[in-house]
Amino acid sequence: MNNRSVSKDTDARVRELQTQVADLKELVNTLLSVICEEPDGVASGAAPSYGQPKMNYCM
């Protein structure tokens, strides 16, 4: 193998890994959104608020 083919293989692998990293970032952000959502469905950070019953569990 010459240096050019090694360089092309490396470049292709780097592009593949960058794509995987981007996909994983999207997945992590989705999972964090689901985890951080409050049990009453309100994402304000102040649950339970007036008029909303306590769910008797903690996330």
Protein backbone atom coordinates (compact mmCIF):
# COMPACT_ATOMS: atom_id res chain seq x y z
CA MET A 1 0.00 0.00 0.00
CA ASN A 2 1.22 3.41 -0.77
CA ASN A 3 0.67 6.51 1.31
CA ARG A 4 -2.22 7.76 -0.81
CA SER A 5 -4.36 4.65 -0.30
CA VAL A 6 -3.65 4.70 3.43
CA SER A 7 -4.62 8.37 3.52
CA LYS A 8 -7.86 7.68 1.60
CA ASP A 9 -8.73 4.80 3.95
CA THR A 10 -8.06 7.03 6.96
CA ASP A 11 -10.14 9.87 5.51
CA ALA A 12 -13.03 7.51 4.81
CA ARG A 13 -12.86 6.10 8.34
CA VAL A 14 -12.78 9.62 9.84
CA ARG A 15 -15.88 10.62 7.83
CA GLU A 16 -17.66 7.45 8.96
CA LEU A 17 -16.80 8.15 12.60
CA GLN A 18 -17.94 11.77 12.29
CA THR A 19 -21.29 10.56 10.98
CA GLN A 20 -21.61 8.12 13.88
CA VAL A 21 -20.75 10.85 16.39
CA ALA A 22 -23.41 13.15 14.91
CA ASP A 23 -26.00 10.35 15.11
CA LEU A 24 -25.05 9.57 18.70
CA LYS A 25 -25.28 13.26 19.68
CA GLU A 26 -28.80 13.37 18.30
CA LEU A 27 -29.72 10.21 20.20
CA VAL A 28 -28.26 11.52 23.46
CA ASN A 29 -30.15 14.81 23.11
CA THR A 30 -33.39 12.90 22.50
CA LEU A 31 -32.81 10.66 25.51
CA LEU A 32 -31.96 13.63 27.73
CA SER A 33 -35.15 15.35 26.64
CA VAL A 34 -37.17 12.28 27.59
CA ILE A 35 -35.37 11.84 30.92
CA CYS A 36 -35.68 15.51 31.88
CA GLU A 37 -39.38 15.74 31.05
CA GLU A 38 -41.34 15.91 34.24
CA PRO A 39 -43.87 13.19 35.12
CA ASP A 40 -46.81 15.58 34.74
CA GLY A 41 -45.78 16.43 31.19
CA VAL A 42 -44.79 20.00 32.05
CA ALA A 43 -41.20 20.87 31.25
CA SER A 44 -41.08 24.07 33.30
CA GLY A 45 -38.93 22.75 36.13
CA ALA A 46 -41.52 23.57 38.77
CA ALA A 47 -43.80 20.52 38.90
CA PRO A 48 -46.29 19.96 40.39
CA SER A 49 -47.84 23.36 39.95
CA TYR A 50 -51.23 24.67 40.92
CA GLY A 51 -54.06 22.41 39.79
CA GLN A 52 -51.86 19.43 38.96
CA PRO A 53 -51.93 16.43 41.28
CA LYS A 54 -48.80 14.83 42.68
CA MET A 55 -47.93 11.57 40.97
CA ASN A 56 -46.33 10.00 44.10
CA TYR A 57 -43.14 9.00 42.35
CA CYS A 58 -39.81 10.55 41.63
CA MET A 59 -37.74 10.45 38.47
